[in-house]
Amino acid sequence: DFMHGPLALIEHGFPALVVAPSGVLLPEMQQFMRTLKEREAEIVAISDDADTLALGRTSIALPAGVPEWLSPLTAIVPGQLFAMHLAAVRDYDPDHPRGLRKVTETR
């Protein structure tokens, strides 16, 4: 879906975190990354595939040999760590987000 709208936002220096583990969608993700690269995005590639990692300016290697059905479990960890460190750098407290309220009020 990214190709049908948000791609227009991509310009020089735009940050893109791309999670692309091996599997049936890997060729499409690689093509997507090439498109991002043409538009000069700053790509952080998260993958277990060497060719895919080479497409990123920065790369995070996933463990090799993980079955495709389990790959989301290994792929999510770098994203969670990234979010945690980004929150720390921006001085956000992820345990107490601004504006968070209880869904239901107790009386």
PDB file of N, CA and C in Angstrom:
ATOM      1  N   ASP A   1       0.808  -1.196   0.000  1.00  0.00           N
ATOM      2  CA  ASP A   1       0.000   0.000   0.000  1.00  0.00           C
ATOM      3  C   ASP A   1       0.853   1.263   0.000  1.00  0.00           C
ATOM      4  N   PHE A   2       2.055   1.145   0.474  1.00  0.00           N
ATOM      5  CA  PHE A   2       2.936   2.308   0.536  1.00  0.00           C
ATOM      6  C   PHE A   2       3.179   2.894  -0.849  1.00  0.00           C
ATOM      7  N   MET A   3       3.218   2.036  -1.857  1.00  0.00           N
ATOM      8  CA  MET A   3       3.524   2.477  -3.217  1.00  0.00           C
ATOM      9  C   MET A   3       2.419   3.348  -3.804  1.00  0.00           C
ATOM     10  N   HIS A   4       1.225   3.349  -3.216  1.00  0.00           N
ATOM     11  CA  HIS A   4       0.093   4.053  -3.803  1.00  0.00           C
ATOM     12  C   HIS A   4      -0.180   5.420  -3.196  1.00  0.00           C
ATOM     13  N   GLY A   5       0.658   5.920  -2.374  1.00  0.00           N
ATOM     14  CA  GLY A   5       0.385   7.229  -1.780  1.00  0.00           C
ATOM     15  C   GLY A   5       1.567   7.785  -1.020  1.00  0.00           C
ATOM     16  N   PRO A   6       1.890   7.191   0.127  1.00  0.00           N
ATOM     17  CA  PRO A   6       2.964   7.743   0.955  1.00  0.00           C
ATOM     18  C   PRO A   6       4.324   7.805   0.259  1.00  0.00           C
ATOM     19  N   LEU A   7       4.506   7.051  -0.825  1.00  0.00           N
ATOM     20  CA  LEU A   7       5.781   7.087  -1.535  1.00  0.00           C
ATOM     21  C   LEU A   7       6.101   8.504  -2.015  1.00  0.00           C
ATOM     22  N   ALA A   8       5.073   9.287  -2.279  1.00  0.00           N
ATOM     23  CA  ALA A   8       5.274  10.666  -2.733  1.00  0.00           C
ATOM     24  C   ALA A   8       5.970  11.519  -1.671  1.00  0.00           C
ATOM     25  N   LEU A   9       5.919  11.107  -0.420  1.00  0.00           N
ATOM     26  CA  LEU A   9       6.551  11.859   0.666  1.00  0.00           C
ATOM     27  C   LEU A   9       8.057  11.639   0.745  1.00  0.00           C
ATOM     28  N   ILE A  10       8.541  10.577   0.106  1.00  0.00           N
ATOM     29  CA  ILE A  10       9.947  10.205   0.235  1.00  0.00           C
ATOM     30  C   ILE A  10      10.826  11.181  -0.531  1.00  0.00           C
ATOM     31  N   GLU A  11      11.798  11.740   0.169  1.00  0.00           N
ATOM     32  CA  GLU A  11      12.760  12.644  -0.446  1.00  0.00           C
ATOM     33  C   GLU A  11      14.109  12.425   0.226  1.00  0.00           C
ATOM     34  N   HIS A  12      15.096  13.170  -0.198  1.00  0.00           N
ATOM     35  CA  HIS A  12      16.453  13.044   0.336  1.00  0.00           C
ATOM     36  C   HIS A  12      16.444  13.103   1.867  1.00  0.00           C
ATOM     37  N   GLY A  13      17.043  12.086   2.483  1.00  0.00           N
ATOM     38  CA  GLY A  13      17.177  12.063   3.929  1.00  0.00           C
ATOM     39  C   GLY A  13      15.999  11.521   4.703  1.00  0.00           C
ATOM     40  N   PHE A  14      14.910  11.160   4.015  1.00  0.00           N
ATOM     41  CA  PHE A  14      13.726  10.633   4.702  1.00  0.00           C
ATOM     42  C   PHE A  14      14.088   9.307   5.372  1.00  0.00           C
ATOM     43  N   PRO A  15      13.811   9.138   6.672  1.00  0.00           N
ATOM     44  CA  PRO A  15      14.163   7.887   7.350  1.00  0.00           C
ATOM     45  C   PRO A  15      13.176   6.764   7.018  1.00  0.00           C
ATOM     46  N   ALA A  16      13.708   5.592   6.705  1.00  0.00           N
ATOM     47  CA  ALA A  16      12.866   4.435   6.391  1.00  0.00           C
ATOM     48  C   ALA A  16      13.421   3.206   7.099  1.00  0.00           C
ATOM     49  N   LEU A  17      12.646   2.648   8.000  1.00  0.00           N
ATOM     50  CA  LEU A  17      12.997   1.419   8.700  1.00  0.00           C
ATOM     51  C   LEU A  17      12.281   0.293   7.972  1.00  0.00           C
ATOM     52  N   VAL A  18      13.039  -0.576   7.301  1.00  0.00           N
ATOM     53  CA  VAL A  18      12.452  -1.624   6.468  1.00  0.00           C
ATOM     54  C   VAL A  18      12.777  -2.990   7.057  1.00  0.00           C
ATOM     55  N   VAL A  19      11.735  -3.729   7.421  1.00  0.00           N
ATOM     56  CA  VAL A  19      11.879  -5.089   7.939  1.00  0.00           C
ATOM     57  C   VAL A  19      11.581  -6.040   6.789  1.00  0.00           C
ATOM     58  N   ALA A  20      12.592  -6.812   6.377  1.00  0.00           N
ATOM     59  CA  ALA A  20      12.452  -7.665   5.195  1.00  0.00           C
ATOM     60  C   ALA A  20      13.113  -9.023   5.409  1.00  0.00           C
ATOM     61  N   PRO A  21      12.496  -9.889   6.218  1.00  0.00           N
ATOM     62  CA  PRO A  21      13.064 -11.225   6.394  1.00  0.00           C
ATOM     63  C   PRO A  21      12.871 -12.065   5.133  1.00  0.00           C
ATOM     64  N   SER A  22      13.661 -13.105   5.001  1.00  0.00           N
ATOM     65  CA  SER A  22      13.534 -14.010   3.858  1.00  0.00           C
ATOM     66  C   SER A  22      12.135 -14.594   3.815  1.00  0.00           C
ATOM     67  N   GLY A  23      11.656 -14.828   2.599  1.00  0.00           N
ATOM     68  CA  GLY A  23      10.327 -15.402   2.417  1.00  0.00           C
ATOM     69  C   GLY A  23       9.750 -14.985   1.086  1.00  0.00           C
ATOM     70  N   VAL A  24       8.481 -15.277   0.889  1.00  0.00           N
ATOM     71  CA  VAL A  24       7.845 -15.046  -0.404  1.00  0.00           C
ATOM     72  C   VAL A  24       7.790 -13.561  -0.780  1.00  0.00           C
ATOM     73  N   LEU A  25       7.770 -12.660   0.177  1.00  0.00           N
ATOM     74  CA  LEU A  25       7.678 -11.231  -0.126  1.00  0.00           C
ATOM     75  C   LEU A  25       9.029 -10.537  -0.257  1.00  0.00           C
ATOM     76  N   LEU A  26      10.115 -11.260  -0.047  1.00  0.00           N
ATOM     77  CA  LEU A  26      11.434 -10.627  -0.072  1.00  0.00           C
ATOM     78  C   LEU A  26      11.728  -9.919  -1.396  1.00  0.00           C
ATOM     79  N   PRO A  27      11.464 -10.520  -2.565  1.00  0.00           N
ATOM     80  CA  PRO A  27      11.748  -9.796  -3.816  1.00  0.00           C
ATOM     81  C   PRO A  27      10.985  -8.468  -3.924  1.00  0.00           C
ATOM     82  N   GLU A  28       9.740  -8.445  -3.476  1.00  0.00           N
ATOM     83  CA  GLU A  28       8.969  -7.194  -3.505  1.00  0.00           C
ATOM     84  C   GLU A  28       9.563  -6.161  -2.551  1.00  0.00           C
ATOM     85  N   MET A  29       9.999  -6.609  -1.392  1.00  0.00           N
ATOM     86  CA  MET A  29      10.599  -5.688  -0.429  1.00  0.00           C
ATOM     87  C   MET A  29      11.916  -5.128  -0.963  1.00  0.00           C
ATOM     88  N   GLN A  30      12.693  -5.973  -1.648  1.00  0.00           N
ATOM     89  CA  GLN A  30      13.943  -5.493  -2.233  1.00  0.00           C
ATOM     90  C   GLN A  30      13.668  -4.433  -3.298  1.00  0.00           C
ATOM     91  N   GLN A  31      12.646  -4.652  -4.123  1.00  0.00           N
ATOM     92  CA  GLN A  31      12.297  -3.656  -5.135  1.00  0.00           C
ATOM     93  C   GLN A  31      11.837  -2.357  -4.471  1.00  0.00           C
ATOM     94  N   PHE A  32      11.067  -2.482  -3.417  1.00  0.00           N
ATOM     95  CA  PHE A  32      10.625  -1.314  -2.655  1.00  0.00           C
ATOM     96  C   PHE A  32      11.827  -0.544  -2.115  1.00  0.00           C
ATOM     97  N   MET A  33      12.813  -1.273  -1.598  1.00  0.00           N
ATOM     98  CA  MET A  33      14.008  -0.630  -1.060  1.00  0.00           C
ATOM     99  C   MET A  33      14.802   0.071  -2.163  1.00  0.00           C
ATOM    100  N   ARG A  34      14.844  -0.528  -3.346  1.00  0.00           N
ATOM    101  CA  ARG A  34      15.524   0.125  -4.472  1.00  0.00           C
ATOM    102  C   ARG A  34      14.825   1.446  -4.821  1.00  0.00           C
ATOM    103  N   THR A  35      13.496   1.443  -4.765  1.00  0.00           N
ATOM    104  CA  THR A  35      12.735   2.663  -5.027  1.00  0.00           C
ATOM    105  C   THR A  35      13.050   3.723  -3.969  1.00  0.00           C
ATOM    106  N   LEU A  36      13.107   3.313  -2.711  1.00  0.00           N
ATOM    107  CA  LEU A  36      13.462   4.242  -1.640  1.00  0.00           C
ATOM    108  C   LEU A  36      14.862   4.809  -1.863  1.00  0.00           C
ATOM    109  N   LYS A  37      15.770   3.933  -2.275  1.00  0.00           N
ATOM    110  CA  LYS A  37      17.153   4.349  -2.506  1.00  0.00           C
ATOM    111  C   LYS A  37      17.240   5.360  -3.653  1.00  0.00           C
ATOM    112  N   GLU A  38      16.463   5.133  -4.716  1.00  0.00           N
ATOM    113  CA  GLU A  38      16.432   6.080  -5.839  1.00  0.00           C
ATOM    114  C   GLU A  38      15.978   7.461  -5.380  1.00  0.00           C
ATOM    115  N   ARG A  39      15.097   7.490  -4.395  1.00  0.00           N
ATOM    116  CA  ARG A  39      14.581   8.764  -3.873  1.00  0.00           C
ATOM    117  C   ARG A  39      15.447   9.298  -2.734  1.00  0.00           C
ATOM    118  N   GLU A  40      16.581   8.641  -2.501  1.00  0.00           N
ATOM    119  CA  GLU A  40      17.588   9.069  -1.524  1.00  0.00           C
ATOM    120  C   GLU A  40      17.117   9.008  -0.077  1.00  0.00           C
ATOM    121  N   ALA A  41      16.279   8.035   0.229  1.00  0.00           N
ATOM    122  CA  ALA A  41      15.866   7.819   1.616  1.00  0.00           C
ATOM    123  C   ALA A  41      17.035   7.254   2.416  1.00  0.00           C
ATOM    124  N   GLU A  42      17.007   7.472   3.707  1.00  0.00           N
ATOM    125  CA  GLU A  42      17.994   6.894   4.625  1.00  0.00           C
ATOM    126  C   GLU A  42      17.409   5.579   5.125  1.00  0.00           C
ATOM    127  N   ILE A  43      17.852   4.475   4.560  1.00  0.00           N
ATOM    128  CA  ILE A  43      17.250   3.170   4.832  1.00  0.00           C
ATOM    129  C   ILE A  43      18.007   2.437   5.932  1.00  0.00           C
ATOM    130  N   VAL A  44      17.258   1.976   6.925  1.00  0.00           N
ATOM    131  CA  VAL A  44      17.768   1.025   7.909  1.00  0.00           C
ATOM    132  C   VAL A  44      17.130  -0.307   7.535  1.00  0.00           C
ATOM    133  N   ALA A  45      17.959  -1.254   7.101  1.00  0.00           N
ATOM    134  CA  ALA A  45      17.470  -2.554   6.649  1.00  0.00           C
ATOM    135  C   ALA A  45      17.596  -3.580   7.763  1.00  0.00           C
ATOM    136  N   ILE A  46      16.502  -4.279   8.027  1.00  0.00           N
ATOM    137  CA  ILE A  46      16.489  -5.365   9.005  1.00  0.00           C
ATOM    138  C   ILE A  46      16.142  -6.631   8.238  1.00  0.00           C
ATOM    139  N   SER A  47      17.108  -7.556   8.132  1.00  0.00           N
ATOM    140  CA  SER A  47      16.890  -8.754   7.325  1.00  0.00           C
ATOM    141  C   SER A  47      17.903  -9.834   7.687  1.00  0.00           C
ATOM    142  N   ASP A  48      17.620 -11.038   7.201  1.00  0.00           N
ATOM    143  CA  ASP A  48      18.572 -12.135   7.320  1.00  0.00           C
ATOM    144  C   ASP A  48      19.232 -12.418   5.974  1.00  0.00           C
ATOM    145  N   ASP A  49      18.937 -11.587   4.976  1.00  0.00           N
ATOM    146  CA  ASP A  49      19.444 -11.770   3.621  1.00  0.00           C
ATOM    147  C   ASP A  49      20.531 -10.728   3.336  1.00  0.00           C
ATOM    148  N   ALA A  50      21.720 -11.190   2.937  1.00  0.00           N
ATOM    149  CA  ALA A  50      22.858 -10.293   2.727  1.00  0.00           C
ATOM    150  C   ALA A  50      22.588  -9.251   1.648  1.00  0.00           C
ATOM    151  N   ASP A  51      21.945  -9.638   0.552  1.00  0.00           N
ATOM    152  CA  ASP A  51      21.656  -8.683  -0.525  1.00  0.00           C
ATOM    153  C   ASP A  51      20.709  -7.583  -0.046  1.00  0.00           C
ATOM    154  N   THR A  52      19.757  -7.953   0.777  1.00  0.00           N
ATOM    155  CA  THR A  52      18.805  -6.978   1.311  1.00  0.00           C
ATOM    156  C   THR A  52      19.504  -6.031   2.276  1.00  0.00           C
ATOM    157  N   LEU A  53      20.353  -6.569   3.120  1.00  0.00           N
ATOM    158  CA  LEU A  53      21.093  -5.728   4.064  1.00  0.00           C
ATOM    159  C   LEU A  53      21.966  -4.717   3.328  1.00  0.00           C
ATOM    160  N   ALA A  54      22.505  -5.116   2.171  1.00  0.00           N
ATOM    161  CA  ALA A  54      23.369  -4.231   1.388  1.00  0.00           C
ATOM    162  C   ALA A  54      22.608  -3.030   0.826  1.00  0.00           C
ATOM    163  N   LEU A  55      21.286  -3.123   0.730  1.00  0.00           N
ATOM    164  CA  LEU A  55      20.481  -2.013   0.206  1.00  0.00           C
ATOM    165  C   LEU A  55      20.295  -0.890   1.223  1.00  0.00           C
ATOM    166  N   GLY A  56      20.565  -1.180   2.476  1.00  0.00           N
ATOM    167  CA  GLY A  56      20.379  -0.169   3.513  1.00  0.00           C
ATOM    168  C   GLY A  56      21.634   0.636   3.762  1.00  0.00           C
ATOM    169  N   ARG A  57      21.453   1.861   4.212  1.00  0.00           N
ATOM    170  CA  ARG A  57      22.606   2.658   4.637  1.00  0.00           C
ATOM    171  C   ARG A  57      23.140   2.080   5.938  1.00  0.00           C
ATOM    172  N   THR A  58      22.212   1.652   6.769  1.00  0.00           N
ATOM    173  CA  THR A  58      22.524   0.959   8.010  1.00  0.00           C
ATOM    174  C   THR A  58      21.805  -0.372   7.957  1.00  0.00           C
ATOM    175  N   SER A  59      22.421  -1.413   8.496  1.00  0.00           N
ATOM    176  CA  SER A  59      21.768  -2.717   8.446  1.00  0.00           C
ATOM    177  C   SER A  59      21.831  -3.411   9.799  1.00  0.00           C
ATOM    178  N   ILE A  60      20.787  -4.182  10.059  1.00  0.00           N
ATOM    179  CA  ILE A  60      20.704  -4.992  11.269  1.00  0.00           C
ATOM    180  C   ILE A  60      20.408  -6.412  10.816  1.00  0.00           C
ATOM    181  N   ALA A  61      21.357  -7.296  11.050  1.00  0.00           N
ATOM    182  CA  ALA A  61      21.218  -8.682  10.592  1.00  0.00           C
ATOM    183  C   ALA A  61      20.369  -9.496  11.561  1.00  0.00           C
ATOM    184  N   LEU A  62      19.405 -10.197  10.988  1.00  0.00           N
ATOM    185  CA  LEU A  62      18.590 -11.141  11.754  1.00  0.00           C
ATOM    186  C   LEU A  62      19.262 -12.503  11.724  1.00  0.00           C
ATOM    187  N   PRO A  63      18.945 -13.381  12.673  1.00  0.00           N
ATOM    188  CA  PRO A  63      19.518 -14.722  12.644  1.00  0.00           C
ATOM    189  C   PRO A  63      19.088 -15.467  11.381  1.00  0.00           C
ATOM    190  N   ALA A  64      20.020 -16.182  10.788  1.00  0.00           N
ATOM    191  CA  ALA A  64      19.726 -16.954   9.574  1.00  0.00           C
ATOM    192  C   ALA A  64      19.051 -18.269   9.935  1.00  0.00           C
ATOM    193  N   GLY A  65      18.286 -18.797   8.993  1.00  0.00           N
ATOM    194  CA  GLY A  65      17.699 -20.118   9.152  1.00  0.00           C
ATOM    195  C   GLY A  65      16.411 -20.174   9.950  1.00  0.00           C
ATOM    196  N   VAL A  66      15.841 -19.036  10.296  1.00  0.00           N
ATOM    197  CA  VAL A  66      14.578 -19.022  11.038  1.00  0.00           C
ATOM    198  C   VAL A  66      13.446 -19.303  10.051  1.00  0.00           C
ATOM    199  N   PRO A  67      12.568 -20.268  10.344  1.00  0.00           N
ATOM    200  CA  PRO A  67      11.445 -20.535   9.432  1.00  0.00           C
ATOM    201  C   PRO A  67      10.601 -19.275   9.221  1.00  0.00           C
ATOM    202  N   GLU A  68      10.067 -19.140   8.004  1.00  0.00           N
ATOM    203  CA  GLU A  68       9.315 -17.931   7.663  1.00  0.00           C
ATOM    204  C   GLU A  68       8.184 -17.650   8.650  1.00  0.00           C
ATOM    205  N   TRP A  69       7.513 -18.687   9.119  1.00  0.00           N
ATOM    206  CA  TRP A  69       6.378 -18.480  10.018  1.00  0.00           C
ATOM    207  C   TRP A  69       6.809 -17.961  11.394  1.00  0.00           C
ATOM    208  N   LEU A  70       8.090 -18.136  11.734  1.00  0.00           N
ATOM    209  CA  LEU A  70       8.609 -17.624  13.006  1.00  0.00           C
ATOM    210  C   LEU A  70       9.337 -16.287  12.851  1.00  0.00           C
ATOM    211  N   SER A  71       9.608 -15.893  11.626  1.00  0.00           N
ATOM    212  CA  SER A  71      10.434 -14.705  11.399  1.00  0.00           C
ATOM    213  C   SER A  71       9.884 -13.419  12.028  1.00  0.00           C
ATOM    214  N   PRO A  72       8.558 -13.228  12.134  1.00  0.00           N
ATOM    215  CA  PRO A  72       8.100 -12.001  12.806  1.00  0.00           C
ATOM    216  C   PRO A  72       8.595 -11.881  14.249  1.00  0.00           C
ATOM    217  N   LEU A  73       8.781 -13.012  14.910  1.00  0.00           N
ATOM    218  CA  LEU A  73       9.239 -12.966  16.303  1.00  0.00           C
ATOM    219  C   LEU A  73      10.662 -12.434  16.412  1.00  0.00           C
ATOM    220  N   THR A  74      11.517 -12.813  15.465  1.00  0.00           N
ATOM    221  CA  THR A  74      12.894 -12.309  15.510  1.00  0.00           C
ATOM    222  C   THR A  74      12.994 -10.915  14.903  1.00  0.00           C
ATOM    223  N   ALA A  75      12.133 -10.615  13.939  1.00  0.00           N
ATOM    224  CA  ALA A  75      12.209  -9.328  13.245  1.00  0.00           C
ATOM    225  C   ALA A  75      11.697  -8.172  14.092  1.00  0.00           C
ATOM    226  N   ILE A  76      10.807  -8.440  15.024  1.00  0.00           N
ATOM    227  CA  ILE A  76      10.214  -7.356  15.807  1.00  0.00           C
ATOM    228  C   ILE A  76      11.164  -6.810  16.880  1.00  0.00           C
ATOM    229  N   VAL A  77      12.078  -7.631  17.339  1.00  0.00           N
ATOM    230  CA  VAL A  77      12.966  -7.214  18.430  1.00  0.00           C
ATOM    231  C   VAL A  77      13.801  -5.981  18.060  1.00  0.00           C
ATOM    232  N   PRO A  78      14.456  -5.943  16.885  1.00  0.00           N
ATOM    233  CA  PRO A  78      15.203  -4.719  16.553  1.00  0.00           C
ATOM    234  C   PRO A  78      14.311  -3.479  16.491  1.00  0.00           C
ATOM    235  N   GLY A  79      13.093  -3.627  16.012  1.00  0.00           N
ATOM    236  CA  GLY A  79      12.170  -2.491  15.958  1.00  0.00           C
ATOM    237  C   GLY A  79      11.800  -1.997  17.342  1.00  0.00           C
ATOM    238  N   GLN A  80      11.588  -2.930  18.261  1.00  0.00           N
ATOM    239  CA  GLN A  80      11.265  -2.546  19.636  1.00  0.00           C
ATOM    240  C   GLN A  80      12.442  -1.833  20.303  1.00  0.00           C
ATOM    241  N   LEU A  81      13.642  -2.346  20.072  1.00  0.00           N
ATOM    242  CA  LEU A  81      14.829  -1.702  20.644  1.00  0.00           C
ATOM    243  C   LEU A  81      15.038  -0.310  20.050  1.00  0.00           C
ATOM    244  N   PHE A  82      14.809  -0.192  18.741  1.00  0.00           N
ATOM    245  CA  PHE A  82      14.911   1.113  18.087  1.00  0.00           C
ATOM    246  C   PHE A  82      13.939   2.103  18.723  1.00  0.00           C
ATOM    247  N   ALA A  83      12.693   1.684  18.899  1.00  0.00           N
ATOM    248  CA  ALA A  83      11.675   2.559  19.489  1.00  0.00           C
ATOM    249  C   ALA A  83      12.047   2.959  20.917  1.00  0.00           C
ATOM    250  N   MET A  84      12.580   2.020  21.682  1.00  0.00           N
ATOM    251  CA  MET A  84      12.971   2.309  23.058  1.00  0.00           C
ATOM    252  C   MET A  84      14.091   3.351  23.104  1.00  0.00           C
ATOM    253  N   HIS A  85      15.105   3.163  22.256  1.00  0.00           N
ATOM    254  CA  HIS A  85      16.230   4.101  22.253  1.00  0.00           C
ATOM    255  C   HIS A  85      15.830   5.463  21.681  1.00  0.00           C
ATOM    256  N   LEU A  86      14.962   5.468  20.678  1.00  0.00           N
ATOM    257  CA  LEU A  86      14.477   6.733  20.129  1.00  0.00           C
ATOM    258  C   LEU A  86      13.696   7.509  21.190  1.00  0.00           C
ATOM    259  N   ALA A  87      12.878   6.812  21.956  1.00  0.00           N
ATOM    260  CA  ALA A  87      12.132   7.465  23.035  1.00  0.00           C
ATOM    261  C   ALA A  87      13.093   8.072  24.054  1.00  0.00           C
ATOM    262  N   ALA A  88      14.155   7.348  24.384  1.00  0.00           N
ATOM    263  CA  ALA A  88      15.126   7.858  25.355  1.00  0.00           C
ATOM    264  C   ALA A  88      15.837   9.102  24.825  1.00  0.00           C
ATOM    265  N   VAL A  89      16.238   9.071  23.556  1.00  0.00           N
ATOM    266  CA  VAL A  89      16.927  10.215  22.955  1.00  0.00           C
ATOM    267  C   VAL A  89      16.024  11.442  22.921  1.00  0.00           C
ATOM    268  N   ARG A  90      14.741  11.223  22.679  1.00  0.00           N
ATOM    269  CA  ARG A  90      13.787  12.342  22.608  1.00  0.00           C
ATOM    270  C   ARG A  90      13.188  12.686  23.972  1.00  0.00           C
ATOM    271  N   ASP A  91      13.676  12.024  25.008  1.00  0.00           N
ATOM    272  CA  ASP A  91      13.229  12.261  26.380  1.00  0.00           C
ATOM    273  C   ASP A  91      11.737  11.985  26.567  1.00  0.00           C
ATOM    274  N   TYR A  92      11.250  10.916  25.933  1.00  0.00           N
ATOM    275  CA  TYR A  92       9.876  10.459  26.124  1.00  0.00           C
ATOM    276  C   TYR A  92       9.898   9.291  27.100  1.00  0.00           C
ATOM    277  N   ASP A  93       8.874   9.188  27.899  1.00  0.00           N
ATOM    278  CA  ASP A  93       8.734   8.047  28.798  1.00  0.00           C
ATOM    279  C   ASP A  93       7.716   7.094  28.183  1.00  0.00           C
ATOM    280  N   PRO A  94       8.163   5.989  27.585  1.00  0.00           N
ATOM    281  CA  PRO A  94       7.226   5.082  26.923  1.00  0.00           C
ATOM    282  C   PRO A  94       6.241   4.418  27.887  1.00  0.00           C
ATOM    283  N   ASP A  95       6.560   4.421  29.174  1.00  0.00           N
ATOM    284  CA  ASP A  95       5.641   3.836  30.154  1.00  0.00           C
ATOM    285  C   ASP A  95       4.545   4.810  30.579  1.00  0.00           C
ATOM    286  N   HIS A  96       4.719   6.073  30.252  1.00  0.00           N
ATOM    287  CA  HIS A  96       3.730   7.096  30.600  1.00  0.00           C
ATOM    288  C   HIS A  96       3.561   8.064  29.429  1.00  0.00           C
ATOM    289  N   PRO A  97       2.974   7.593  28.323  1.00  0.00           N
ATOM    290  CA  PRO A  97       2.818   8.468  27.160  1.00  0.00           C
ATOM    291  C   PRO A  97       1.906   9.657  27.453  1.00  0.00           C
ATOM    292  N   ARG A  98       2.241  10.771  26.846  1.00  0.00           N
ATOM    293  CA  ARG A  98       1.479  12.006  27.000  1.00  0.00           C
ATOM    294  C   ARG A  98       0.050  11.791  26.502  1.00  0.00           C
ATOM    295  N   GLY A  99      -0.928  12.218  27.280  1.00  0.00           N
ATOM    296  CA  GLY A  99      -2.321  12.142  26.861  1.00  0.00           C
ATOM    297  C   GLY A  99      -2.988  10.791  27.044  1.00  0.00           C
ATOM    298  N   LEU A 100      -2.277   9.812  27.590  1.00  0.00           N
ATOM    299  CA  LEU A 100      -2.871   8.488  27.782  1.00  0.00           C
ATOM    300  C   LEU A 100      -3.876   8.533  28.925  1.00  0.00           C
ATOM    301  N   ARG A 101      -5.050   7.985  28.666  1.00  0.00           N
ATOM    302  CA  ARG A 101      -6.081   7.889  29.697  1.00  0.00           C
ATOM    303  C   ARG A 101      -6.609   6.468  29.719  1.00  0.00           C
ATOM    304  N   LYS A 102      -7.209   6.117  30.814  1.00  0.00           N
ATOM    305  CA  LYS A 102      -7.825   4.800  30.903  1.00  0.00           C
ATOM    306  C   LYS A 102      -8.962   4.713  29.898  1.00  0.00           C
ATOM    307  N   VAL A 103      -9.157   3.545  29.338  1.00  0.00           N
ATOM    308  CA  VAL A 103     -10.237   3.346  28.376  1.00  0.00           C
ATOM    309  C   VAL A 103     -11.587   3.453  29.070  1.00  0.00           C
ATOM    310  N   THR A 104     -11.669   2.892  30.246  1.00  0.00           N
ATOM    311  CA  THR A 104     -12.911   2.987  31.023  1.00  0.00           C
ATOM    312  C   THR A 104     -12.595   3.667  32.346  1.00  0.00           C
ATOM    313  N   GLU A 105     -13.530   4.425  32.819  1.00  0.00           N
ATOM    314  CA  GLU A 105     -13.335   5.086  34.102  1.00  0.00           C
ATOM    315  C   GLU A 105     -14.019   4.285  35.190  1.00  0.00           C
ATOM    316  N   THR A 106     -13.307   4.109  36.292  1.00  0.00           N
ATOM    317  CA  THR A 106     -13.841   3.365  37.422  1.00  0.00           C
ATOM    318  C   THR A 106     -14.428   4.346  38.427  1.00  0.00           C
ATOM    319  N   ARG A 107     -15.611   4.011  38.923  1.00  0.00           N
ATOM    320  CA  ARG A 107     -16.245   4.896  39.911  1.00  0.00           C
ATOM    321  C   ARG A 107     -16.152   4.325  41.277  1.00  0.00           C
TER     322      ARG A 107
END
